[in-house]
Amino acid sequence: MKETFLVITGDVVSSREISNRERLQKKLASLCEEVNKKFKEFIVVKFSITIGDEIQGLIRKNSPLLQITGYFEENLYPYKMRFGAGEGSISTNFYNTTSQMDGECFFNSRQAIINAEKEKRSIKIILHNKTIESLLDIILMWIEKTKEEWNEIHYKRYYLYKNLGSIEKVAKKEKVTKQSIWKSLKRAKYDLVLKSEEVINKILSAEKG
């Protein structure tokens, strides 16, 4: 059986309405470089801009998918991105950019992001195992519905907590009380979102190709 990989394709939601498209593209290019460095042990072919404001990269099956997509989400805010992740084999040689490659995983990733746009979702995943795919989709749907209720403060403090690891450090960074941070995170249901993301990453890492 051929080894399978995951392709992540992402684009910016309603990007045509953004006035400074050149600045957006520079930011996306910079984020791709940061992701390539931060997650280099999981990346097979580096993330890069493929066309317009679309990014794409090829990663290993055991990669922390939501940490990678979350890095783009965190650092591109308030602009929103949608993602399509597809599992499958490669039918070409490996090259420096995914635009030179083809295979099942690329087709599935493309179909996944089309599905995400149709369903107004942030991320859709297509896997060989349809039972696991359906399970992950339900968890992802819950995460997305929860995040719809977040404001800028929720996003900022959630990612600060995720990066710093404690409410005390976030409070110090924000120069507010620990109680204030805890209330914000509690309203955002941060603990359940974190655990849900961890479950998804564990399921994907345990999946066989």
N, C-alpha and C. Protein backbone atom coordinates (compact mmCIF):
# COMPACT_ATOMS: atom_id res chain seq x y z
N MET A 1 0.84 -1.19 0.00
CA MET A 1 0.00 0.00 0.00
C MET A 1 0.88 1.25 0.00
N LYS A 2 0.53 2.21 -0.84
CA LYS A 2 1.28 3.45 -0.92
C LYS A 2 1.15 4.24 0.38
N GLU A 3 2.23 4.93 0.74
CA GLU A 3 2.17 5.81 1.91
C GLU A 3 1.22 6.96 1.62
N THR A 4 0.44 7.33 2.62
CA THR A 4 -0.48 8.45 2.46
C THR A 4 -0.02 9.65 3.26
N PHE A 5 -0.42 10.82 2.78
CA PHE A 5 -0.07 12.09 3.41
C PHE A 5 -1.33 12.94 3.55
N LEU A 6 -1.15 14.11 4.14
CA LEU A 6 -2.23 15.09 4.20
C LEU A 6 -1.78 16.34 3.46
N VAL A 7 -2.64 16.86 2.61
CA VAL A 7 -2.42 18.16 1.99
C VAL A 7 -3.36 19.16 2.64
N ILE A 8 -2.81 20.28 3.07
CA ILE A 8 -3.63 21.37 3.60
C ILE A 8 -3.67 22.49 2.58
N THR A 9 -4.87 22.84 2.15
CA THR A 9 -5.08 24.00 1.30
C THR A 9 -5.88 25.02 2.09
N GLY A 10 -5.45 26.27 2.04
CA GLY A 10 -6.16 27.32 2.77
C GLY A 10 -6.31 28.57 1.94
N ASP A 11 -7.41 29.27 2.14
CA ASP A 11 -7.53 30.58 1.51
C ASP A 11 -8.24 31.55 2.45
N VAL A 12 -8.12 32.83 2.15
CA VAL A 12 -8.68 33.87 2.99
C VAL A 12 -10.14 34.09 2.60
N VAL A 13 -11.03 34.10 3.59
CA VAL A 13 -12.46 34.29 3.35
C VAL A 13 -12.72 35.73 2.90
N SER A 14 -13.51 35.88 1.84
CA SER A 14 -13.90 37.20 1.32
C SER A 14 -12.69 38.10 1.05
N SER A 15 -11.64 37.51 0.50
CA SER A 15 -10.39 38.26 0.29
C SER A 15 -10.55 39.38 -0.73
N ARG A 16 -11.50 39.25 -1.65
CA ARG A 16 -11.70 40.29 -2.66
C ARG A 16 -12.20 41.58 -2.05
N GLU A 17 -12.76 41.49 -0.86
CA GLU A 17 -13.25 42.70 -0.19
C GLU A 17 -12.16 43.41 0.60
N ILE A 18 -10.98 42.80 0.68
CA ILE A 18 -9.86 43.40 1.42
C ILE A 18 -9.15 44.40 0.50
N SER A 19 -9.01 45.62 0.96
CA SER A 19 -8.47 46.69 0.11
C SER A 19 -7.00 46.51 -0.21
N ASN A 20 -6.19 46.20 0.80
CA ASN A 20 -4.75 46.09 0.58
C ASN A 20 -4.37 44.62 0.37
N ARG A 21 -4.59 44.14 -0.86
CA ARG A 21 -4.33 42.73 -1.16
C ARG A 21 -2.83 42.42 -1.14
N GLU A 22 -2.00 43.39 -1.54
CA GLU A 22 -0.56 43.17 -1.57
C GLU A 22 -0.03 42.93 -0.15
N ARG A 23 -0.52 43.71 0.79
CA ARG A 23 -0.11 43.54 2.19
C ARG A 23 -0.54 42.18 2.72
N LEU A 24 -1.75 41.76 2.33
CA LEU A 24 -2.26 40.46 2.75
C LEU A 24 -1.37 39.33 2.22
N GLN A 25 -0.99 39.40 0.95
CA GLN A 25 -0.15 38.36 0.37
C GLN A 25 1.22 38.30 1.03
N LYS A 26 1.78 39.46 1.36
CA LYS A 26 3.07 39.48 2.06
C LYS A 26 2.95 38.83 3.44
N LYS A 27 1.83 39.10 4.11
CA LYS A 27 1.60 38.50 5.42
C LYS A 27 1.45 36.99 5.30
N LEU A 28 0.72 36.52 4.29
CA LEU A 28 0.55 35.08 4.08
C LEU A 28 1.89 34.41 3.79
N ALA A 29 2.71 35.05 2.96
CA ALA A 29 4.03 34.51 2.62
C ALA A 29 4.90 34.40 3.87
N SER A 30 4.83 35.42 4.72
CA SER A 30 5.59 35.42 5.96
C SER A 30 5.12 34.32 6.90
N LEU A 31 3.80 34.13 6.99
CA LEU A 31 3.24 33.09 7.85
C LEU A 31 3.63 31.70 7.36
N CYS A 32 3.68 31.52 6.04
CA CYS A 32 4.10 30.23 5.49
C CYS A 32 5.53 29.92 5.94
N GLU A 33 6.41 30.91 5.89
CA GLU A 33 7.80 30.71 6.32
C GLU A 33 7.87 30.35 7.80
N GLU A 34 7.05 31.03 8.61
CA GLU A 34 7.04 30.75 10.05
C GLU A 34 6.53 29.35 10.34
N VAL A 35 5.46 28.95 9.66
CA VAL A 35 4.90 27.61 9.84
C VAL A 35 5.91 26.55 9.41
N ASN A 36 6.60 26.80 8.31
CA ASN A 36 7.61 25.84 7.82
C ASN A 36 8.73 25.63 8.83
N LYS A 37 9.07 26.67 9.56
CA LYS A 37 10.12 26.55 10.58
C LYS A 37 9.58 25.91 11.84
N LYS A 38 8.42 26.36 12.28
CA LYS A 38 7.84 25.91 13.55
C LYS A 38 7.45 24.44 13.53
N PHE A 39 6.98 23.95 12.36
CA PHE A 39 6.49 22.59 12.26
C PHE A 39 7.32 21.76 11.27
N LYS A 40 8.59 22.10 11.13
CA LYS A 40 9.43 21.49 10.09
C LYS A 40 9.53 19.96 10.19
N GLU A 41 9.41 19.40 11.40
CA GLU A 41 9.53 17.95 11.54
C GLU A 41 8.33 17.20 10.94
N PHE A 42 7.23 17.93 10.72
CA PHE A 42 6.02 17.30 10.17
C PHE A 42 5.81 17.61 8.69
N ILE A 43 6.54 18.59 8.18
CA ILE A 43 6.28 19.07 6.82
C ILE A 43 7.12 18.31 5.79
N VAL A 44 6.45 17.80 4.78
CA VAL A 44 7.11 17.06 3.69
C VAL A 44 7.47 18.03 2.56
N VAL A 45 6.50 18.84 2.15
CA VAL A 45 6.73 19.92 1.17
C VAL A 45 6.23 21.22 1.79
N LYS A 46 7.07 22.21 1.82
CA LYS A 46 6.80 23.45 2.55
C LYS A 46 5.53 24.16 2.06
N PHE A 47 4.93 24.88 3.00
CA PHE A 47 3.79 25.73 2.67
C PHE A 47 4.27 26.92 1.84
N SER A 48 3.46 27.27 0.87
CA SER A 48 3.75 28.42 0.03
C SER A 48 2.46 28.93 -0.57
N ILE A 49 2.50 30.13 -1.11
CA ILE A 49 1.33 30.67 -1.82
C ILE A 49 1.28 30.03 -3.19
N THR A 50 0.15 29.43 -3.52
CA THR A 50 0.02 28.76 -4.81
C THR A 50 -0.53 29.70 -5.87
N ILE A 51 -1.59 30.41 -5.53
CA ILE A 51 -2.17 31.37 -6.46
C ILE A 51 -3.02 32.36 -5.66
N GLY A 52 -2.88 33.64 -5.98
CA GLY A 52 -3.66 34.65 -5.27
C GLY A 52 -3.38 34.64 -3.78
N ASP A 53 -4.42 34.39 -2.99
CA ASP A 53 -4.26 34.34 -1.53
C ASP A 53 -4.45 32.91 -1.01
N GLU A 54 -4.14 31.93 -1.84
CA GLU A 54 -4.25 30.52 -1.44
C GLU A 54 -2.89 29.99 -1.03
N ILE A 55 -2.88 29.23 0.06
CA ILE A 55 -1.64 28.59 0.52
C ILE A 55 -1.83 27.08 0.52
N GLN A 56 -0.72 26.35 0.40
CA GLN A 56 -0.81 24.89 0.40
C GLN A 56 0.50 24.28 0.87
N GLY A 57 0.38 23.16 1.57
CA GLY A 57 1.55 22.42 2.03
C GLY A 57 1.22 20.95 2.18
N LEU A 58 2.25 20.11 2.13
CA LEU A 58 2.10 18.66 2.27
C LEU A 58 2.71 18.24 3.60
N ILE A 59 1.90 17.56 4.44
CA ILE A 59 2.37 17.18 5.77
C ILE A 59 2.20 15.68 6.01
N ARG A 60 2.84 15.17 7.05
CA ARG A 60 2.73 13.77 7.42
C ARG A 60 1.40 13.51 8.13
N LYS A 61 0.96 12.25 8.09
CA LYS A 61 -0.34 11.90 8.68
C LYS A 61 -0.40 12.18 10.18
N ASN A 62 0.75 12.08 10.87
CA ASN A 62 0.74 12.25 12.33
C ASN A 62 0.95 13.70 12.74
N SER A 63 0.78 14.63 11.80
CA SER A 63 1.02 16.05 12.08
C SER A 63 -0.08 16.65 12.96
N PRO A 64 0.25 17.68 13.76
CA PRO A 64 -0.76 18.38 14.57
C PRO A 64 -1.55 19.34 13.67
N LEU A 65 -2.49 18.80 12.96
CA LEU A 65 -3.22 19.55 11.93
C LEU A 65 -3.78 20.87 12.45
N LEU A 66 -4.48 20.84 13.58
CA LEU A 66 -5.14 22.04 14.07
C LEU A 66 -4.16 23.06 14.66
N GLN A 67 -2.99 22.61 15.06
CA GLN A 67 -1.97 23.57 15.49
C GLN A 67 -1.44 24.35 14.29
N ILE A 68 -1.33 23.65 13.17
CA ILE A 68 -0.84 24.30 11.95
C ILE A 68 -1.88 25.29 11.41
N THR A 69 -3.13 24.84 11.26
CA THR A 69 -4.16 25.76 10.76
C THR A 69 -4.43 26.87 11.79
N GLY A 70 -4.31 26.53 13.06
CA GLY A 70 -4.52 27.52 14.11
C GLY A 70 -3.48 28.62 14.11
N TYR A 71 -2.25 28.28 13.69
CA TYR A 71 -1.20 29.30 13.62
C TYR A 71 -1.57 30.36 12.59
N PHE A 72 -2.09 29.92 11.46
CA PHE A 72 -2.56 30.87 10.45
C PHE A 72 -3.73 31.69 11.00
N GLU A 73 -4.67 31.02 11.65
CA GLU A 73 -5.85 31.70 12.19
C GLU A 73 -5.45 32.76 13.20
N GLU A 74 -4.56 32.39 14.10
CA GLU A 74 -4.13 33.29 15.16
C GLU A 74 -3.44 34.54 14.59
N ASN A 75 -2.56 34.34 13.65
CA ASN A 75 -1.71 35.43 13.20
C ASN A 75 -2.26 36.23 12.03
N LEU A 76 -3.38 35.77 11.47
CA LEU A 76 -4.01 36.53 10.39
C LEU A 76 -5.25 37.28 10.89
N TYR A 77 -5.64 37.03 12.12
CA TYR A 77 -6.82 37.70 12.70
C TYR A 77 -6.67 39.22 12.58
N PRO A 78 -7.74 39.96 12.22
CA PRO A 78 -9.16 39.58 12.17
C PRO A 78 -9.62 38.95 10.86
N TYR A 79 -8.72 38.81 9.87
CA TYR A 79 -9.11 38.11 8.65
C TYR A 79 -9.28 36.62 8.96
N LYS A 80 -10.24 35.99 8.30
CA LYS A 80 -10.52 34.59 8.54
C LYS A 80 -10.08 33.74 7.36
N MET A 81 -9.66 32.51 7.66
CA MET A 81 -9.28 31.57 6.62
C MET A 81 -10.16 30.34 6.66
N ARG A 82 -10.29 29.69 5.52
CA ARG A 82 -10.92 28.38 5.47
C ARG A 82 -9.88 27.38 4.97
N PHE A 83 -10.04 26.13 5.41
CA PHE A 83 -9.05 25.12 5.08
C PHE A 83 -9.72 23.84 4.58
N GLY A 84 -9.01 23.15 3.70
CA GLY A 84 -9.40 21.83 3.27
C GLY A 84 -8.22 20.90 3.43
N ALA A 85 -8.38 19.83 4.20
CA ALA A 85 -7.30 18.86 4.42
C ALA A 85 -7.71 17.54 3.78
N GLY A 86 -6.84 17.00 2.94
CA GLY A 86 -7.17 15.77 2.25
C GLY A 86 -6.10 14.71 2.40
N GLU A 87 -6.53 13.50 2.69
CA GLU A 87 -5.60 12.37 2.82
C GLU A 87 -5.49 11.66 1.47
N GLY A 88 -4.31 11.11 1.21
CA GLY A 88 -4.17 10.31 0.01
C GLY A 88 -2.72 10.10 -0.37
N SER A 89 -2.54 9.41 -1.47
CA SER A 89 -1.20 9.10 -1.97
C SER A 89 -0.73 10.18 -2.94
N ILE A 90 0.55 10.08 -3.31
CA ILE A 90 1.18 11.00 -4.28
C ILE A 90 1.40 10.24 -5.59
N SER A 91 1.07 10.86 -6.71
CA SER A 91 1.25 10.19 -8.00
C SER A 91 2.40 10.78 -8.82
N THR A 92 3.11 11.75 -8.23
CA THR A 92 4.25 12.36 -8.91
C THR A 92 5.48 12.27 -8.02
N ASN A 93 6.59 12.79 -8.49
CA ASN A 93 7.77 12.92 -7.66
C ASN A 93 7.55 14.04 -6.64
N PHE A 94 8.43 14.11 -5.65
CA PHE A 94 8.38 15.20 -4.68
C PHE A 94 9.19 16.38 -5.20
N TYR A 95 8.60 17.57 -5.08
CA TYR A 95 9.26 18.78 -5.54
C TYR A 95 9.30 19.80 -4.41
N ASN A 96 9.90 20.95 -4.68
CA ASN A 96 10.04 21.99 -3.66
C ASN A 96 8.72 22.68 -3.33
N THR A 97 7.80 22.68 -4.27
CA THR A 97 6.48 23.28 -4.05
C THR A 97 5.39 22.31 -4.47
N THR A 98 4.24 22.41 -3.83
CA THR A 98 3.14 21.50 -4.12
C THR A 98 2.53 21.76 -5.49
N SER A 99 2.73 22.97 -6.02
CA SER A 99 2.14 23.31 -7.33
C SER A 99 2.69 22.43 -8.46
N GLN A 100 3.83 21.78 -8.21
CA GLN A 100 4.43 20.90 -9.21
C GLN A 100 4.00 19.44 -9.03
N MET A 101 3.17 19.19 -8.03
CA MET A 101 2.83 17.82 -7.66
C MET A 101 1.36 17.50 -7.90
N ASP A 102 1.05 16.20 -7.85
CA ASP A 102 -0.32 15.76 -8.06
C ASP A 102 -0.53 14.45 -7.32
N GLY A 103 -1.79 14.08 -7.15
CA GLY A 103 -2.10 12.83 -6.48
C GLY A 103 -3.43 12.91 -5.74
N GLU A 104 -3.81 11.79 -5.15
CA GLU A 104 -5.09 11.68 -4.48
C GLU A 104 -5.26 12.69 -3.36
N CYS A 105 -4.20 12.92 -2.59
CA CYS A 105 -4.30 13.85 -1.46
C CYS A 105 -4.58 15.28 -1.91
N PHE A 106 -4.06 15.65 -3.09
CA PHE A 106 -4.30 16.99 -3.62
C PHE A 106 -5.76 17.13 -4.08
N PHE A 107 -6.27 16.09 -4.73
CA PHE A 107 -7.66 16.09 -5.15
C PHE A 107 -8.59 16.19 -3.94
N ASN A 108 -8.30 15.38 -2.91
CA ASN A 108 -9.14 15.38 -1.71
C ASN A 108 -9.08 16.70 -0.95
N SER A 109 -7.89 17.31 -0.91
CA SER A 109 -7.76 18.61 -0.25
C SER A 109 -8.57 19.67 -0.97
N ARG A 110 -8.50 19.63 -2.32
CA ARG A 110 -9.27 20.60 -3.11
C ARG A 110 -10.76 20.41 -2.90
N GLN A 111 -11.21 19.16 -2.88
CA GLN A 111 -12.63 18.89 -2.67
C GLN A 111 -13.04 19.32 -1.26
N ALA A 112 -12.16 19.12 -0.29
CA ALA A 112 -12.46 19.50 1.10
C ALA A 112 -12.66 21.00 1.25
N ILE A 113 -11.82 21.80 0.59
CA ILE A 113 -11.98 23.26 0.73
C ILE A 113 -13.20 23.75 -0.05
N ILE A 114 -13.56 23.06 -1.13
CA ILE A 114 -14.80 23.38 -1.85
C ILE A 114 -15.99 23.10 -0.93
N ASN A 115 -15.93 21.95 -0.22
CA ASN A 115 -17.00 21.61 0.72
C ASN A 115 -17.09 22.62 1.85
N ALA A 116 -15.93 23.08 2.33
CA ALA A 116 -15.90 24.06 3.42
C ALA A 116 -16.57 25.36 2.99
N GLU A 117 -16.31 25.77 1.75
CA GLU A 117 -16.93 27.00 1.25
C GLU A 117 -18.43 26.83 1.09
N LYS A 118 -18.86 25.71 0.56
CA LYS A 118 -20.29 25.46 0.36
C LYS A 118 -21.04 25.42 1.69
N GLU A 119 -20.42 24.80 2.69
CA GLU A 119 -21.08 24.63 3.98
C GLU A 119 -20.79 25.76 4.95
N LYS A 120 -20.03 26.77 4.47
CA LYS A 120 -19.64 27.91 5.32
C LYS A 120 -18.94 27.43 6.59
N ARG A 121 -17.99 26.55 6.39
CA ARG A 121 -17.20 25.99 7.48
C ARG A 121 -15.78 26.52 7.42
N SER A 122 -15.09 26.47 8.56
CA SER A 122 -13.70 26.91 8.61
C SER A 122 -12.75 25.84 8.09
N ILE A 123 -13.11 24.58 8.32
CA ILE A 123 -12.24 23.50 7.87
C ILE A 123 -13.05 22.23 7.62
N LYS A 124 -12.70 21.54 6.55
CA LYS A 124 -13.25 20.22 6.26
C LYS A 124 -12.10 19.28 5.99
N ILE A 125 -12.28 18.01 6.38
CA ILE A 125 -11.24 17.02 6.20
C ILE A 125 -11.81 15.82 5.43
N ILE A 126 -11.06 15.32 4.47
CA ILE A 126 -11.44 14.10 3.75
C ILE A 126 -10.39 13.04 4.03
N LEU A 127 -10.84 11.92 4.60
CA LEU A 127 -9.96 10.81 4.96
C LEU A 127 -10.42 9.53 4.26
N HIS A 128 -9.55 8.54 4.23
CA HIS A 128 -9.94 7.22 3.72
C HIS A 128 -10.98 6.59 4.63
N ASN A 129 -10.76 6.72 5.93
CA ASN A 129 -11.66 6.14 6.92
C ASN A 129 -12.85 7.08 7.13
N LYS A 130 -14.00 6.76 6.55
CA LYS A 130 -15.14 7.66 6.60
C LYS A 130 -15.78 7.75 7.98
N THR A 131 -15.62 6.71 8.80
CA THR A 131 -16.14 6.77 10.16
C THR A 131 -15.37 7.80 10.97
N ILE A 132 -14.03 7.75 10.86
CA ILE A 132 -13.19 8.74 11.55
C ILE A 132 -13.45 10.13 10.98
N GLU A 133 -13.59 10.22 9.68
CA GLU A 133 -13.86 11.52 9.04
C GLU A 133 -15.14 12.15 9.61
N SER A 134 -16.19 11.37 9.74
CA SER A 134 -17.47 11.87 10.27
C SER A 134 -17.33 12.30 11.73
N LEU A 135 -16.59 11.50 12.50
CA LEU A 135 -16.36 11.82 13.91
C LEU A 135 -15.63 13.15 14.06
N LEU A 136 -14.56 13.32 13.28
CA LEU A 136 -13.79 14.57 13.34
C LEU A 136 -14.62 15.75 12.89
N ASP A 137 -15.47 15.53 11.90
CA ASP A 137 -16.29 16.63 11.39
C ASP A 137 -17.25 17.16 12.45
N ILE A 138 -17.81 16.25 13.24
CA ILE A 138 -18.73 16.66 14.31
C ILE A 138 -17.98 17.48 15.36
N ILE A 139 -16.78 17.03 15.74
CA ILE A 139 -15.99 17.77 16.74
C ILE A 139 -15.59 19.13 16.19
N LEU A 140 -15.16 19.17 14.93
CA LEU A 140 -14.78 20.44 14.30
C LEU A 140 -15.96 21.40 14.22
N MET A 141 -17.14 20.86 13.94
CA MET A 141 -18.33 21.69 13.86
C MET A 141 -18.62 22.33 15.22
N TRP A 142 -18.44 21.54 16.29
CA TRP A 142 -18.66 22.09 17.63
C TRP A 142 -17.66 23.20 17.94
N ILE A 143 -16.40 22.99 17.60
CA ILE A 143 -15.37 24.01 17.83
C ILE A 143 -15.73 25.29 17.07
N GLU A 144 -16.12 25.16 15.82
CA GLU A 144 -16.44 26.33 14.99
C GLU A 144 -17.65 27.08 15.54
N LYS A 145 -18.68 26.36 15.95
CA LYS A 145 -19.87 27.01 16.52
C LYS A 145 -19.52 27.76 17.79
N THR A 146 -18.61 27.20 18.58
CA THR A 146 -18.18 27.87 19.80
C THR A 146 -17.41 29.14 19.47
N LYS A 147 -16.52 29.08 18.51
CA LYS A 147 -15.71 30.24 18.14
C LYS A 147 -16.53 31.36 17.50
N GLU A 148 -17.68 31.03 16.95
CA GLU A 148 -18.55 32.06 16.38
C GLU A 148 -18.99 33.07 17.44
N GLU A 149 -18.98 32.66 18.69
CA GLU A 149 -19.39 33.53 19.78
C GLU A 149 -18.22 34.33 20.36
N TRP A 150 -17.02 34.10 19.87
CA TRP A 150 -15.85 34.80 20.39
C TRP A 150 -15.73 36.20 19.79
N ASN A 151 -15.22 37.12 20.60
CA ASN A 151 -14.84 38.43 20.10
C ASN A 151 -13.32 38.52 20.06
N GLU A 152 -12.79 39.70 19.77
CA GLU A 152 -11.34 39.86 19.62
C GLU A 152 -10.60 39.49 20.91
N ILE A 153 -11.16 39.85 22.05
CA ILE A 153 -10.51 39.55 23.33
C ILE A 153 -10.45 38.05 23.57
N HIS A 154 -11.53 37.34 23.24
CA HIS A 154 -11.53 35.88 23.40
C HIS A 154 -10.44 35.22 22.56
N TYR A 155 -10.37 35.64 21.28
CA TYR A 155 -9.35 35.09 20.39
C TYR A 155 -7.95 35.37 20.95
N LYS A 156 -7.72 36.61 21.32
CA LYS A 156 -6.39 37.01 21.79
C LYS A 156 -5.99 36.24 23.03
N ARG A 157 -6.86 36.16 24.01
CA ARG A 157 -6.52 35.52 25.28
C ARG A 157 -6.48 34.00 25.17
N TYR A 158 -7.29 33.44 24.27
CA TYR A 158 -7.23 32.00 24.04
C TYR A 158 -5.86 31.60 23.51
N TYR A 159 -5.39 32.33 22.50
CA TYR A 159 -4.11 31.98 21.91
C TYR A 159 -2.94 32.34 22.83
N LEU A 160 -3.10 33.37 23.61
CA LEU A 160 -2.07 33.68 24.61
C LEU A 160 -1.95 32.54 25.62
N TYR A 161 -3.11 32.05 26.07
CA TYR A 161 -3.09 30.94 27.02
C TYR A 161 -2.48 29.70 26.38
N LYS A 162 -2.83 29.46 25.12
CA LYS A 162 -2.32 28.30 24.41
C LYS A 162 -0.80 28.37 24.28
N ASN A 163 -0.28 29.57 24.05
CA ASN A 163 1.16 29.74 23.86
C ASN A 163 1.93 29.85 25.16
N LEU A 164 1.33 30.49 26.16
CA LEU A 164 2.04 30.73 27.43
C LEU A 164 1.81 29.64 28.46
N GLY A 165 0.64 28.99 28.40
CA GLY A 165 0.41 27.82 29.25
C GLY A 165 -0.17 28.05 30.63
N SER A 166 -0.41 29.31 31.01
CA SER A 166 -1.01 29.55 32.33
C SER A 166 -1.77 30.87 32.35
N ILE A 167 -2.83 30.90 33.17
CA ILE A 167 -3.64 32.10 33.31
C ILE A 167 -2.81 33.23 33.91
N GLU A 168 -1.92 32.89 34.85
CA GLU A 168 -1.08 33.89 35.49
C GLU A 168 -0.20 34.62 34.47
N LYS A 169 0.39 33.88 33.53
CA LYS A 169 1.26 34.49 32.52
C LYS A 169 0.47 35.36 31.55
N VAL A 170 -0.75 34.91 31.23
CA VAL A 170 -1.60 35.69 30.34
C VAL A 170 -2.01 37.00 31.03
N ALA A 171 -2.35 36.92 32.31
CA ALA A 171 -2.73 38.12 33.07
C ALA A 171 -1.58 39.13 33.12
N LYS A 172 -0.37 38.61 33.31
CA LYS A 172 0.80 39.48 33.35
C LYS A 172 1.02 40.14 32.00
N LYS A 173 0.84 39.37 30.93
CA LYS A 173 1.01 39.88 29.57
C LYS A 173 -0.04 40.94 29.25
N GLU A 174 -1.28 40.69 29.66
CA GLU A 174 -2.39 41.60 29.38
C GLU A 174 -2.49 42.74 30.39
N LYS A 175 -1.73 42.63 31.49
CA LYS A 175 -1.73 43.64 32.56
C LYS A 175 -3.12 43.81 33.17
N VAL A 176 -3.76 42.65 33.42
CA VAL A 176 -5.05 42.63 34.10
C VAL A 176 -5.00 41.55 35.17
N THR A 177 -6.09 41.40 35.92
CA THR A 177 -6.11 40.40 36.98
C THR A 177 -6.29 38.99 36.41
N LYS A 178 -5.88 38.00 37.20
CA LYS A 178 -6.06 36.60 36.80
C LYS A 178 -7.56 36.28 36.67
N GLN A 179 -8.36 36.90 37.55
CA GLN A 179 -9.81 36.67 37.50
C GLN A 179 -10.40 37.13 36.17
N SER A 180 -9.92 38.27 35.68
CA SER A 180 -10.40 38.79 34.41
C SER A 180 -10.09 37.83 33.26
N ILE A 181 -8.87 37.29 33.27
CA ILE A 181 -8.47 36.33 32.23
C ILE A 181 -9.30 35.06 32.35
N TRP A 182 -9.47 34.59 33.55
CA TRP A 182 -10.23 33.35 33.76
C TRP A 182 -11.67 33.51 33.27
N LYS A 183 -12.28 34.65 33.54
CA LYS A 183 -13.66 34.89 33.10
C LYS A 183 -13.76 34.89 31.58
N SER A 184 -12.78 35.54 30.92
CA SER A 184 -12.77 35.58 29.46
C SER A 184 -12.63 34.18 28.88
N LEU A 185 -11.70 33.41 29.42
CA LEU A 185 -11.46 32.07 28.92
C LEU A 185 -12.64 31.14 29.20
N LYS A 186 -13.26 31.32 30.35
CA LYS A 186 -14.42 30.49 30.69
C LYS A 186 -15.57 30.76 29.73
N ARG A 187 -15.81 32.03 29.40
CA ARG A 187 -16.87 32.38 28.45
C ARG A 187 -16.58 31.78 27.07
N ALA A 188 -15.29 31.68 26.74
CA ALA A 188 -14.90 31.13 25.45
C ALA A 188 -14.89 29.60 25.43
N LYS A 189 -15.19 28.99 26.60
CA LYS A 189 -15.15 27.52 26.73
C LYS A 189 -13.79 26.99 26.30
N TYR A 190 -12.75 27.70 26.72
CA TYR A 190 -11.38 27.41 26.26
C TYR A 190 -10.94 25.99 26.57
N ASP A 191 -11.32 25.47 27.74
CA ASP A 191 -10.87 24.15 28.14
C ASP A 191 -11.43 23.07 27.24
N LEU A 192 -12.71 23.19 26.87
CA LEU A 192 -13.34 22.21 25.99
C LEU A 192 -12.80 22.32 24.56
N VAL A 193 -12.53 23.54 24.11
CA VAL A 193 -11.97 23.73 22.77
C VAL A 193 -10.58 23.11 22.70
N LEU A 194 -9.76 23.37 23.72
CA LEU A 194 -8.41 22.80 23.76
C LEU A 194 -8.44 21.28 23.76
N LYS A 195 -9.30 20.70 24.60
CA LYS A 195 -9.40 19.25 24.69
C LYS A 195 -9.90 18.65 23.38
N SER A 196 -10.84 19.33 22.73
CA SER A 196 -11.38 18.85 21.45
C SER A 196 -10.29 18.85 20.38
N GLU A 197 -9.48 19.91 20.36
CA GLU A 197 -8.38 19.98 19.39
C GLU A 197 -7.35 18.89 19.67
N GLU A 198 -7.08 18.63 20.93
CA GLU A 198 -6.13 17.58 21.30
C GLU A 198 -6.64 16.21 20.85
N VAL A 199 -7.94 15.97 21.01
CA VAL A 199 -8.54 14.70 20.60
C VAL A 199 -8.39 14.50 19.10
N ILE A 200 -8.65 15.56 18.33
CA ILE A 200 -8.52 15.47 16.87
C ILE A 200 -7.10 15.14 16.48
N ASN A 201 -6.13 15.82 17.07
CA ASN A 201 -4.73 15.55 16.75
C ASN A 201 -4.32 14.13 17.13
N LYS A 202 -4.83 13.63 18.26
CA LYS A 202 -4.51 12.26 18.68
C LYS A 202 -5.11 11.24 17.74
N ILE A 203 -6.34 11.48 17.29
CA ILE A 203 -6.99 10.54 16.36
C ILE A 203 -6.23 10.50 15.05
N LEU A 204 -5.84 11.67 14.54
CA LEU A 204 -5.12 11.72 13.27
C LEU A 204 -3.74 11.06 13.38
N SER A 205 -3.08 11.27 14.50
CA SER A 205 -1.75 10.69 14.67
C SER A 205 -1.80 9.17 14.81
N ALA A 206 -2.97 8.67 15.26
CA ALA A 206 -3.10 7.23 15.45
C ALA A 206 -3.62 6.53 14.20
N GLU A 207 -4.12 7.33 13.23
CA GLU A 207 -4.66 6.75 11.99
C GLU A 207 -3.56 6.15 11.14
N LYS A 208 -3.82 5.00 10.62
CA LYS A 208 -2.88 4.33 9.72
C LYS A 208 -3.18 4.73 8.28
N GLY A 209 -2.12 4.81 7.45
CA GLY A 209 -2.31 5.22 6.06
C GLY A 209 -2.99 4.15 5.23
